[in-house]
Amino acid sequence: TVSWARRCVYETVVALLGHGILYFLGWWFRMNLTSAWKRLVDPRFGIPMLAGTISLTGMIISIGMAHPFFRRRAYRLFYFSHTIGFAIFAIF
């Protein structure tokens, strides 16, 4: 069985990741690639979108590196990716 604390963490990660991915895909498919990139780097429109994209990337890296393969065989990579991924997620 999964403890209640671990279950809360899983549900929070799934909710945040789902929110980020759905928002990103909705934003991306609403416009074409060129206008999406222009809006991403335009200070009038893109700062929240750029910050969300960077934050989502940090979260995906952390989740990807949480796989047992990386945890058991490359613990330093797992540890530093989580430290850097959390910092990116928290800052942006």
Protein backbone atom coordinates (compact mmCIF):
# COMPACT_ATOMS: atom_id res chain seq x y z
CA THR A 1 0.00 0.00 0.00
CA VAL A 2 1.02 3.59 -0.56
CA SER A 3 1.20 5.90 2.43
CA TRP A 4 -1.05 8.95 2.47
CA ALA A 5 1.92 11.34 2.24
CA ARG A 6 3.32 9.64 -0.85
CA ARG A 7 -0.13 9.55 -2.40
CA CYS A 8 -0.52 13.32 -1.82
CA VAL A 9 2.84 13.89 -3.53
CA TYR A 10 1.83 11.73 -6.49
CA GLU A 11 -1.50 13.52 -6.88
CA THR A 12 0.16 16.94 -6.64
CA VAL A 13 2.77 16.06 -9.25
CA VAL A 14 0.15 14.65 -11.62
CA ALA A 15 -2.07 17.72 -11.16
CA LEU A 16 0.78 20.19 -11.75
CA LEU A 17 2.17 18.28 -14.71
CA GLY A 18 -1.28 17.86 -16.24
CA HIS A 19 -2.03 21.55 -15.81
CA GLY A 20 1.27 22.55 -17.39
CA ILE A 21 1.02 20.20 -20.34
CA LEU A 22 -2.62 20.98 -21.12
CA TYR A 23 -2.05 24.73 -20.88
CA PHE A 24 1.07 24.50 -23.02
CA LEU A 25 -0.63 22.37 -25.70
CA GLY A 26 -3.70 24.60 -25.76
CA TRP A 27 -1.50 27.66 -26.17
CA TRP A 28 0.70 25.98 -28.77
CA PHE A 29 -2.11 24.70 -31.00
CA ARG A 30 -3.99 27.99 -30.88
CA MET A 31 -1.32 29.60 -33.06
CA ASN A 32 1.28 28.45 -35.55
CA LEU A 33 4.91 27.79 -34.66
CA THR A 34 6.27 31.17 -35.78
CA SER A 35 3.73 33.29 -33.94
CA ALA A 36 4.01 31.06 -30.85
CA TRP A 37 7.78 31.62 -30.74
CA LYS A 38 7.36 35.38 -31.27
CA ARG A 39 4.84 35.60 -28.44
CA LEU A 40 7.07 33.45 -26.23
CA VAL A 41 9.96 35.91 -26.44
CA ASP A 42 7.91 39.13 -26.73
CA PRO A 43 8.01 40.97 -23.37
CA ARG A 44 4.42 42.17 -23.78
CA PHE A 45 3.00 38.65 -24.08
CA GLY A 46 5.64 36.04 -23.50
CA ILE A 47 7.05 36.40 -19.99
CA PRO A 48 4.41 34.21 -18.29
CA MET A 49 4.52 31.78 -21.21
CA LEU A 50 8.31 31.62 -21.17
CA ALA A 51 8.40 31.14 -17.40
CA GLY A 52 5.77 28.41 -17.62
CA THR A 53 7.65 26.65 -20.40
CA ILE A 54 10.92 26.73 -18.44
CA SER A 55 9.15 25.55 -15.29
CA LEU A 56 7.43 22.71 -17.15
CA THR A 57 10.77 21.65 -18.65
CA GLY A 58 12.39 21.54 -15.19
CA MET A 59 9.51 19.47 -13.85
CA ILE A 60 9.64 17.01 -16.75
CA ILE A 61 13.40 16.57 -16.25
CA SER A 62 12.88 15.88 -12.54
CA ILE A 63 10.11 13.37 -13.20
CA GLY A 64 12.11 11.65 -15.95
CA MET A 65 15.15 11.31 -13.73
CA ALA A 66 13.02 9.80 -10.94
CA HIS A 67 12.85 6.53 -12.89
CA PRO A 68 14.40 3.64 -10.93
CA PHE A 69 17.07 3.20 -13.62
CA PHE A 70 18.57 6.62 -12.85
CA ARG A 71 17.98 6.37 -9.11
CA ARG A 72 19.82 3.06 -8.78
CA ARG A 73 22.53 3.29 -11.43
CA ALA A 74 23.28 7.01 -11.57
CA TYR A 75 22.34 8.43 -8.19
CA ARG A 76 24.39 11.62 -8.62
CA LEU A 77 22.59 12.38 -11.88
CA PHE A 78 19.27 11.70 -10.13
CA TYR A 79 20.18 13.93 -7.18
CA PHE A 80 21.53 16.88 -9.16
CA SER A 81 18.71 16.75 -11.72
CA HIS A 82 16.19 16.93 -8.89
CA THR A 83 18.04 19.77 -7.20
CA ILE A 84 18.33 21.77 -10.41
CA GLY A 85 14.84 20.78 -11.60
CA PHE A 86 13.29 21.92 -8.31
CA ALA A 87 15.22 25.20 -8.42
CA ILE A 88 14.02 25.85 -11.98
CA PHE A 89 10.44 24.94 -11.03
CA ALA A 90 10.48 27.10 -7.91
CA ILE A 91 12.12 30.16 -9.50
CA PHE A 92 9.95 30.27 -12.60
